[in-house]
Amino acid sequence: MIHEATLGAGLEEEAKKKKHTTTLEAINLSVEVKAWRTILTHFSCRYMKLAEILPEHQEHKVMIAFDHLRLSFSHLDWAYKYLPILQ
């Protein structure tokens, strides 16, 4: 699943007003639909530098997209393991 996560935790009302989601809302949706992998994208530079992925959500194999990122489907097997380095 590729999903936008424009706003950080605690900004749920702001996200609702702007018709966006927070990082946590996107991850929860991914869990709900039983996504095999989740790639978060479309972050607002006004609110955070990088998506806030809590340790308990790393088990869902969440990845962070950034400008000029290129992935092939075979990368999805292991690319989520780079999240701690990016954070």
PDB file of N, CA and C in Angstrom:
ATOM      1  N   MET A   1       0.848  -1.165   0.000  1.00  0.00           N
ATOM      2  CA  MET A   1       0.000   0.000   0.000  1.00  0.00           C
ATOM      3  C   MET A   1       0.896   1.231   0.000  1.00  0.00           C
ATOM      4  N   ILE A   2       0.619   2.154  -0.869  1.00  0.00           N
ATOM      5  CA  ILE A   2       1.287   3.451  -0.886  1.00  0.00           C
ATOM      6  C   ILE A   2       0.261   4.466  -0.403  1.00  0.00           C
ATOM      7  N   HIS A   3       0.623   5.203   0.644  1.00  0.00           N
ATOM      8  CA  HIS A   3      -0.347   6.121   1.252  1.00  0.00           C
ATOM      9  C   HIS A   3       0.336   7.392   1.694  1.00  0.00           C
ATOM     10  N   GLU A   4      -0.367   8.506   1.561  1.00  0.00           N
ATOM     11  CA  GLU A   4       0.184   9.763   2.067  1.00  0.00           C
ATOM     12  C   GLU A   4       0.085   9.805   3.584  1.00  0.00           C
ATOM     13  N   ALA A   5       1.049  10.467   4.189  1.00  0.00           N
ATOM     14  CA  ALA A   5       1.075  10.639   5.645  1.00  0.00           C
ATOM     15  C   ALA A   5       1.566  12.059   5.905  1.00  0.00           C
ATOM     16  N   THR A   6       0.746  13.015   5.510  1.00  0.00           N
ATOM     17  CA  THR A   6       1.155  14.409   5.473  1.00  0.00           C
ATOM     18  C   THR A   6       1.513  14.971   6.837  1.00  0.00           C
ATOM     19  N   LEU A   7       0.797  14.572   7.866  1.00  0.00           N
ATOM     20  CA  LEU A   7       0.974  15.188   9.176  1.00  0.00           C
ATOM     21  C   LEU A   7       1.441  14.185  10.220  1.00  0.00           C
ATOM     22  N   GLY A   8       2.068  14.709  11.251  1.00  0.00           N
ATOM     23  CA  GLY A   8       2.576  13.870  12.321  1.00  0.00           C
ATOM     24  C   GLY A   8       1.533  13.603  13.397  1.00  0.00           C
ATOM     25  N   ALA A   9       1.919  12.810  14.355  1.00  0.00           N
ATOM     26  CA  ALA A   9       1.043  12.438  15.464  1.00  0.00           C
ATOM     27  C   ALA A   9       0.564  13.679  16.208  1.00  0.00           C
ATOM     28  N   GLY A  10      -0.685  13.632  16.652  1.00  0.00           N
ATOM     29  CA  GLY A  10      -1.253  14.738  17.404  1.00  0.00           C
ATOM     30  C   GLY A  10      -1.902  15.805  16.534  1.00  0.00           C
ATOM     31  N   LEU A  11      -1.820  15.660  15.215  1.00  0.00           N
ATOM     32  CA  LEU A  11      -2.397  16.649  14.301  1.00  0.00           C
ATOM     33  C   LEU A  11      -3.586  16.080  13.527  1.00  0.00           C
ATOM     34  N   GLU A  12      -4.322  15.193  14.180  1.00  0.00           N
ATOM     35  CA  GLU A  12      -5.445  14.526  13.522  1.00  0.00           C
ATOM     36  C   GLU A  12      -6.528  15.510  13.069  1.00  0.00           C
ATOM     37  N   GLU A  13      -6.842  16.491  13.882  1.00  0.00           N
ATOM     38  CA  GLU A  13      -7.872  17.478  13.504  1.00  0.00           C
ATOM     39  C   GLU A  13      -7.413  18.306  12.304  1.00  0.00           C
ATOM     40  N   GLU A  14      -6.171  18.700  12.306  1.00  0.00           N
ATOM     41  CA  GLU A  14      -5.599  19.441  11.169  1.00  0.00           C
ATOM     42  C   GLU A  14      -5.643  18.585   9.902  1.00  0.00           C
ATOM     43  N   ALA A  15      -5.316  17.316  10.043  1.00  0.00           N
ATOM     44  CA  ALA A  15      -5.348  16.398   8.900  1.00  0.00           C
ATOM     45  C   ALA A  15      -6.771  16.274   8.359  1.00  0.00           C
ATOM     46  N   LYS A  16      -7.731  16.168   9.249  1.00  0.00           N
ATOM     47  CA  LYS A  16      -9.124  16.041   8.826  1.00  0.00           C
ATOM     48  C   LYS A  16      -9.574  17.282   8.065  1.00  0.00           C
ATOM     49  N   LYS A  17      -9.222  18.466   8.575  1.00  0.00           N
ATOM     50  CA  LYS A  17      -9.588  19.717   7.907  1.00  0.00           C
ATOM     51  C   LYS A  17      -8.990  19.798   6.500  1.00  0.00           C
ATOM     52  N   LYS A  18      -7.758  19.329   6.361  1.00  0.00           N
ATOM     53  CA  LYS A  18      -7.052  19.431   5.080  1.00  0.00           C
ATOM     54  C   LYS A  18      -7.235  18.206   4.193  1.00  0.00           C
ATOM     55  N   LYS A  19      -8.070  17.261   4.674  1.00  0.00           N
ATOM     56  CA  LYS A  19      -8.344  16.020   3.933  1.00  0.00           C
ATOM     57  C   LYS A  19      -7.061  15.223   3.660  1.00  0.00           C
ATOM     58  N   HIS A  20      -6.262  15.106   4.713  1.00  0.00           N
ATOM     59  CA  HIS A  20      -5.042  14.312   4.687  1.00  0.00           C
ATOM     60  C   HIS A  20      -5.085  13.337   5.852  1.00  0.00           C
ATOM     61  N   THR A  21      -3.999  12.599   6.035  1.00  0.00           N
ATOM     62  CA  THR A  21      -3.906  11.688   7.173  1.00  0.00           C
ATOM     63  C   THR A  21      -2.603  11.927   7.912  1.00  0.00           C
ATOM     64  N   THR A  22      -2.590  11.448   9.144  1.00  0.00           N
ATOM     65  CA  THR A  22      -1.352  11.460   9.914  1.00  0.00           C
ATOM     66  C   THR A  22      -0.613  10.145   9.642  1.00  0.00           C
ATOM     67  N   THR A  23       0.611  10.091  10.061  1.00  0.00           N
ATOM     68  CA  THR A  23       1.392   8.873   9.920  1.00  0.00           C
ATOM     69  C   THR A  23       0.692   7.701  10.601  1.00  0.00           C
ATOM     70  N   LEU A  24       0.227   7.917  11.811  1.00  0.00           N
ATOM     71  CA  LEU A  24      -0.437   6.850  12.563  1.00  0.00           C
ATOM     72  C   LEU A  24      -1.725   6.396  11.877  1.00  0.00           C
ATOM     73  N   GLU A  25      -2.509   7.325  11.344  1.00  0.00           N
ATOM     74  CA  GLU A  25      -3.735   6.944  10.643  1.00  0.00           C
ATOM     75  C   GLU A  25      -3.423   6.088   9.416  1.00  0.00           C
ATOM     76  N   ALA A  26      -2.384   6.457   8.683  1.00  0.00           N
ATOM     77  CA  ALA A  26      -2.000   5.687   7.497  1.00  0.00           C
ATOM     78  C   ALA A  26      -1.536   4.279   7.885  1.00  0.00           C
ATOM     79  N   ILE A  27      -0.751   4.176   8.948  1.00  0.00           N
ATOM     80  CA  ILE A  27      -0.282   2.856   9.395  1.00  0.00           C
ATOM     81  C   ILE A  27      -1.462   2.013   9.879  1.00  0.00           C
ATOM     82  N   ASN A  28      -2.361   2.618  10.637  1.00  0.00           N
ATOM     83  CA  ASN A  28      -3.538   1.874  11.110  1.00  0.00           C
ATOM     84  C   ASN A  28      -4.391   1.376   9.955  1.00  0.00           C
ATOM     85  N   LEU A  29      -4.542   2.180   8.918  1.00  0.00           N
ATOM     86  CA  LEU A  29      -5.286   1.746   7.740  1.00  0.00           C
ATOM     87  C   LEU A  29      -4.580   0.568   7.067  1.00  0.00           C
ATOM     88  N   SER A  30      -3.269   0.648   6.996  1.00  0.00           N
ATOM     89  CA  SER A  30      -2.481  -0.437   6.411  1.00  0.00           C
ATOM     90  C   SER A  30      -2.682  -1.748   7.177  1.00  0.00           C
ATOM     91  N   VAL A  31      -2.698  -1.653   8.492  1.00  0.00           N
ATOM     92  CA  VAL A  31      -2.929  -2.834   9.334  1.00  0.00           C
ATOM     93  C   VAL A  31      -4.342  -3.360   9.099  1.00  0.00           C
ATOM     94  N   GLU A  32      -5.303  -2.454   9.031  1.00  0.00           N
ATOM     95  CA  GLU A  32      -6.704  -2.847   8.848  1.00  0.00           C
ATOM     96  C   GLU A  32      -6.933  -3.607   7.534  1.00  0.00           C
ATOM     97  N   VAL A  33      -6.273  -3.170   6.461  1.00  0.00           N
ATOM     98  CA  VAL A  33      -6.461  -3.835   5.163  1.00  0.00           C
ATOM     99  C   VAL A  33      -5.465  -4.981   4.954  1.00  0.00           C
ATOM    100  N   LYS A  34      -4.631  -5.211   5.976  1.00  0.00           N
ATOM    101  CA  LYS A  34      -3.645  -6.293   5.942  1.00  0.00           C
ATOM    102  C   LYS A  34      -2.671  -6.160   4.761  1.00  0.00           C
ATOM    103  N   ALA A  35      -2.167  -4.943   4.602  1.00  0.00           N
ATOM    104  CA  ALA A  35      -1.198  -4.685   3.529  1.00  0.00           C
ATOM    105  C   ALA A  35       0.078  -5.479   3.784  1.00  0.00           C
ATOM    106  N   TRP A  36       0.657  -6.019   2.728  1.00  0.00           N
ATOM    107  CA  TRP A  36       1.897  -6.783   2.850  1.00  0.00           C
ATOM    108  C   TRP A  36       3.064  -5.854   3.193  1.00  0.00           C
ATOM    109  N   ARG A  37       3.128  -4.708   2.549  1.00  0.00           N
ATOM    110  CA  ARG A  37       4.104  -3.663   2.833  1.00  0.00           C
ATOM    111  C   ARG A  37       3.380  -2.328   2.753  1.00  0.00           C
ATOM    112  N   THR A  38       3.923  -1.332   3.428  1.00  0.00           N
ATOM    113  CA  THR A  38       3.346   0.005   3.393  1.00  0.00           C
ATOM    114  C   THR A  38       4.454   1.006   3.085  1.00  0.00           C
ATOM    115  N   ILE A  39       4.191   1.862   2.120  1.00  0.00           N
ATOM    116  CA  ILE A  39       5.123   2.941   1.778  1.00  0.00           C
ATOM    117  C   ILE A  39       4.395   4.250   2.060  1.00  0.00           C
ATOM    118  N   LEU A  40       4.964   5.048   2.970  1.00  0.00           N
ATOM    119  CA  LEU A  40       4.378   6.338   3.318  1.00  0.00           C
ATOM    120  C   LEU A  40       5.062   7.434   2.516  1.00  0.00           C
ATOM    121  N   THR A  41       4.260   8.396   2.069  1.00  0.00           N
ATOM    122  CA  THR A  41       4.784   9.466   1.233  1.00  0.00           C
ATOM    123  C   THR A  41       4.002  10.754   1.490  1.00  0.00           C
ATOM    124  N   HIS A  42       4.367  11.836   0.809  1.00  0.00           N
ATOM    125  CA  HIS A  42       3.670  13.124   0.823  1.00  0.00           C
ATOM    126  C   HIS A  42       3.705  13.754   2.214  1.00  0.00           C
ATOM    127  N   PHE A  43       4.898  13.938   2.740  1.00  0.00           N
ATOM    128  CA  PHE A  43       5.068  14.532   4.068  1.00  0.00           C
ATOM    129  C   PHE A  43       5.114  16.047   3.962  1.00  0.00           C
ATOM    130  N   SER A  44       4.534  16.714   4.920  1.00  0.00           N
ATOM    131  CA  SER A  44       4.573  18.171   4.952  1.00  0.00           C
ATOM    132  C   SER A  44       5.843  18.622   5.654  1.00  0.00           C
ATOM    133  N   CYS A  45       6.624  19.438   4.978  1.00  0.00           N
ATOM    134  CA  CYS A  45       7.863  19.942   5.602  1.00  0.00           C
ATOM    135  C   CYS A  45       7.549  20.949   6.702  1.00  0.00           C
ATOM    136  N   ARG A  46       6.317  21.425   6.780  1.00  0.00           N
ATOM    137  CA  ARG A  46       5.933  22.344   7.853  1.00  0.00           C
ATOM    138  C   ARG A  46       5.782  21.636   9.195  1.00  0.00           C
ATOM    139  N   TYR A  47       5.557  20.329   9.159  1.00  0.00           N
ATOM    140  CA  TYR A  47       5.226  19.622  10.397  1.00  0.00           C
ATOM    141  C   TYR A  47       6.277  18.623  10.846  1.00  0.00           C
ATOM    142  N   MET A  48       7.046  18.075   9.924  1.00  0.00           N
ATOM    143  CA  MET A  48       8.050  17.085  10.325  1.00  0.00           C
ATOM    144  C   MET A  48       9.054  16.910   9.199  1.00  0.00           C
ATOM    145  N   LYS A  49      10.240  16.465   9.570  1.00  0.00           N
ATOM    146  CA  LYS A  49      11.267  16.198   8.566  1.00  0.00           C
ATOM    147  C   LYS A  49      11.092  14.808   7.977  1.00  0.00           C
ATOM    148  N   LEU A  50      10.736  13.858   8.795  1.00  0.00           N
ATOM    149  CA  LEU A  50      10.545  12.477   8.360  1.00  0.00           C
ATOM    150  C   LEU A  50       9.413  11.885   9.176  1.00  0.00           C
ATOM    151  N   ALA A  51       8.678  11.009   8.573  1.00  0.00           N
ATOM    152  CA  ALA A  51       7.542  10.393   9.259  1.00  0.00           C
ATOM    153  C   ALA A  51       7.985   9.768  10.575  1.00  0.00           C
ATOM    154  N   GLU A  52       7.146   9.910  11.561  1.00  0.00           N
ATOM    155  CA  GLU A  52       7.420   9.341  12.872  1.00  0.00           C
ATOM    156  C   GLU A  52       6.844   7.934  12.928  1.00  0.00           C
ATOM    157  N   ILE A  53       7.713   6.953  12.853  1.00  0.00           N
ATOM    158  CA  ILE A  53       7.279   5.557  12.922  1.00  0.00           C
ATOM    159  C   ILE A  53       7.672   5.030  14.293  1.00  0.00           C
ATOM    160  N   LEU A  54       6.683   4.698  15.086  1.00  0.00           N
ATOM    161  CA  LEU A  54       6.948   4.191  16.428  1.00  0.00           C
ATOM    162  C   LEU A  54       7.499   2.777  16.351  1.00  0.00           C
ATOM    163  N   PRO A  55       8.321   2.372  17.330  1.00  0.00           N
ATOM    164  CA  PRO A  55       8.886   1.019  17.308  1.00  0.00           C
ATOM    165  C   PRO A  55       7.831  -0.080  17.168  1.00  0.00           C
ATOM    166  N   GLU A  56       6.668   0.093  17.795  1.00  0.00           N
ATOM    167  CA  GLU A  56       5.643  -0.947  17.708  1.00  0.00           C
ATOM    168  C   GLU A  56       5.014  -1.047  16.315  1.00  0.00           C
ATOM    169  N   HIS A  57       5.236  -0.051  15.475  1.00  0.00           N
ATOM    170  CA  HIS A  57       4.711  -0.105  14.114  1.00  0.00           C
ATOM    171  C   HIS A  57       5.721  -0.634  13.107  1.00  0.00           C
ATOM    172  N   GLN A  58       6.963  -0.772  13.508  1.00  0.00           N
ATOM    173  CA  GLN A  58       7.977  -1.266  12.588  1.00  0.00           C
ATOM    174  C   GLN A  58       7.727  -2.721  12.195  1.00  0.00           C
ATOM    175  N   GLU A  59       7.002  -3.448  13.017  1.00  0.00           N
ATOM    176  CA  GLU A  59       6.681  -4.839  12.682  1.00  0.00           C
ATOM    177  C   GLU A  59       5.781  -4.921  11.453  1.00  0.00           C
ATOM    178  N   HIS A  60       5.154  -3.815  11.071  1.00  0.00           N
ATOM    179  CA  HIS A  60       4.279  -3.799   9.895  1.00  0.00           C
ATOM    180  C   HIS A  60       5.055  -3.527   8.609  1.00  0.00           C
ATOM    181  N   LYS A  61       6.368  -3.476   8.713  1.00  0.00           N
ATOM    182  CA  LYS A  61       7.250  -3.334   7.560  1.00  0.00           C
ATOM    183  C   LYS A  61       6.925  -2.084   6.747  1.00  0.00           C
ATOM    184  N   VAL A  62       6.931  -0.961   7.456  1.00  0.00           N
ATOM    185  CA  VAL A  62       6.645   0.342   6.867  1.00  0.00           C
ATOM    186  C   VAL A  62       7.914   0.907   6.250  1.00  0.00           C
ATOM    187  N   MET A  63       7.753   1.515   5.092  1.00  0.00           N
ATOM    188  CA  MET A  63       8.862   2.176   4.401  1.00  0.00           C
ATOM    189  C   MET A  63       8.515   3.647   4.210  1.00  0.00           C
ATOM    190  N   ILE A  64       9.527   4.452   4.032  1.00  0.00           N
ATOM    191  CA  ILE A  64       9.368   5.881   3.823  1.00  0.00           C
ATOM    192  C   ILE A  64       9.807   6.210   2.398  1.00  0.00           C
ATOM    193  N   ALA A  65       8.939   6.879   1.665  1.00  0.00           N
ATOM    194  CA  ALA A  65       9.311   7.333   0.321  1.00  0.00           C
ATOM    195  C   ALA A  65       9.891   8.738   0.422  1.00  0.00           C
ATOM    196  N   PHE A  66      10.781   9.051  -0.467  1.00  0.00           N
ATOM    197  CA  PHE A  66      11.351  10.393  -0.543  1.00  0.00           C
ATOM    198  C   PHE A  66      11.615  10.710  -2.007  1.00  0.00           C
ATOM    199  N   ASP A  67      11.878  11.976  -2.288  1.00  0.00           N
ATOM    200  CA  ASP A  67      12.076  12.401  -3.677  1.00  0.00           C
ATOM    201  C   ASP A  67      13.124  11.552  -4.373  1.00  0.00           C
ATOM    202  N   HIS A  68      12.826  11.157  -5.572  1.00  0.00           N
ATOM    203  CA  HIS A  68      13.702  10.387  -6.455  1.00  0.00           C
ATOM    204  C   HIS A  68      13.936   8.944  -5.998  1.00  0.00           C
ATOM    205  N   LEU A  69      13.147   8.475  -5.038  1.00  0.00           N
ATOM    206  CA  LEU A  69      13.246   7.084  -4.608  1.00  0.00           C
ATOM    207  C   LEU A  69      12.783   6.176  -5.744  1.00  0.00           C
ATOM    208  N   ARG A  70      13.535   5.131  -5.993  1.00  0.00           N
ATOM    209  CA  ARG A  70      13.154   4.148  -7.000  1.00  0.00           C
ATOM    210  C   ARG A  70      13.227   2.771  -6.364  1.00  0.00           C
ATOM    211  N   LEU A  71      12.129   2.053  -6.440  1.00  0.00           N
ATOM    212  CA  LEU A  71      12.065   0.704  -5.906  1.00  0.00           C
ATOM    213  C   LEU A  71      11.482  -0.218  -6.970  1.00  0.00           C
ATOM    214  N   SER A  72      11.990  -1.417  -7.012  1.00  0.00           N
ATOM    215  CA  SER A  72      11.327  -2.440  -7.814  1.00  0.00           C
ATOM    216  C   SER A  72      10.607  -3.355  -6.827  1.00  0.00           C
ATOM    217  N   PHE A  73       9.712  -4.175  -7.324  1.00  0.00           N
ATOM    218  CA  PHE A  73       8.971  -5.053  -6.423  1.00  0.00           C
ATOM    219  C   PHE A  73       9.899  -5.954  -5.614  1.00  0.00           C
ATOM    220  N   SER A  74      11.004  -6.369  -6.178  1.00  0.00           N
ATOM    221  CA  SER A  74      11.926  -7.234  -5.428  1.00  0.00           C
ATOM    222  C   SER A  74      12.539  -6.512  -4.232  1.00  0.00           C
ATOM    223  N   HIS A  75      12.643  -5.193  -4.291  1.00  0.00           N
ATOM    224  CA  HIS A  75      13.185  -4.425  -3.162  1.00  0.00           C
ATOM    225  C   HIS A  75      12.249  -4.434  -1.959  1.00  0.00           C
ATOM    226  N   LEU A  76      10.974  -4.666  -2.200  1.00  0.00           N
ATOM    227  CA  LEU A  76      10.000  -4.627  -1.105  1.00  0.00           C
ATOM    228  C   LEU A  76      10.214  -5.737  -0.085  1.00  0.00           C
ATOM    229  N   ASP A  77      10.975  -6.764  -0.464  1.00  0.00           N
ATOM    230  CA  ASP A  77      11.283  -7.838   0.484  1.00  0.00           C
ATOM    231  C   ASP A  77      12.179  -7.364   1.623  1.00  0.00           C
ATOM    232  N   TRP A  78      13.034  -6.386   1.357  1.00  0.00           N
ATOM    233  CA  TRP A  78      14.026  -5.990   2.355  1.00  0.00           C
ATOM    234  C   TRP A  78      14.125  -4.487   2.610  1.00  0.00           C
ATOM    235  N   ALA A  79      13.554  -3.651   1.782  1.00  0.00           N
ATOM    236  CA  ALA A  79      13.749  -2.196   1.889  1.00  0.00           C
ATOM    237  C   ALA A  79      13.271  -1.615   3.218  1.00  0.00           C
ATOM    238  N   TYR A  80      12.253  -2.215   3.816  1.00  0.00           N
ATOM    239  CA  TYR A  80      11.742  -1.699   5.102  1.00  0.00           C
ATOM    240  C   TYR A  80      12.797  -1.765   6.204  1.00  0.00           C
ATOM    241  N   LYS A  81      13.799  -2.595   6.048  1.00  0.00           N
ATOM    242  CA  LYS A  81      14.839  -2.736   7.079  1.00  0.00           C
ATOM    243  C   LYS A  81      15.727  -1.497   7.189  1.00  0.00           C
ATOM    244  N   TYR A  82      15.649  -0.590   6.207  1.00  0.00           N
ATOM    245  CA  TYR A  82      16.438   0.631   6.240  1.00  0.00           C
ATOM    246  C   TYR A  82      15.792   1.753   7.036  1.00  0.00           C
ATOM    247  N   LEU A  83      14.574   1.560   7.508  1.00  0.00           N
ATOM    248  CA  LEU A  83      13.871   2.595   8.250  1.00  0.00           C
ATOM    249  C   LEU A  83      14.667   3.130   9.443  1.00  0.00           C
ATOM    250  N   PRO A  84      15.267   2.285  10.286  1.00  0.00           N
ATOM    251  CA  PRO A  84      16.042   2.818  11.416  1.00  0.00           C
ATOM    252  C   PRO A  84      17.203   3.711  10.957  1.00  0.00           C
ATOM    253  N   ILE A  85      17.787   3.433   9.836  1.00  0.00           N
ATOM    254  CA  ILE A  85      18.877   4.266   9.326  1.00  0.00           C
ATOM    255  C   ILE A  85      18.337   5.637   8.914  1.00  0.00           C
ATOM    256  N   LEU A  86      17.186   5.664   8.251  1.00  0.00           N
ATOM    257  CA  LEU A  86      16.590   6.917   7.809  1.00  0.00           C
ATOM    258  C   LEU A  86      16.146   7.774   8.977  1.00  0.00           C
ATOM    259  N   GLN A  87      15.678   7.122  10.033  1.00  0.00           N
ATOM    260  CA  GLN A  87      15.208   7.890  11.183  1.00  0.00           C
ATOM    261  C   GLN A  87      16.377   8.468  11.951  1.00  0.00           C
TER     262      GLN A  87
END
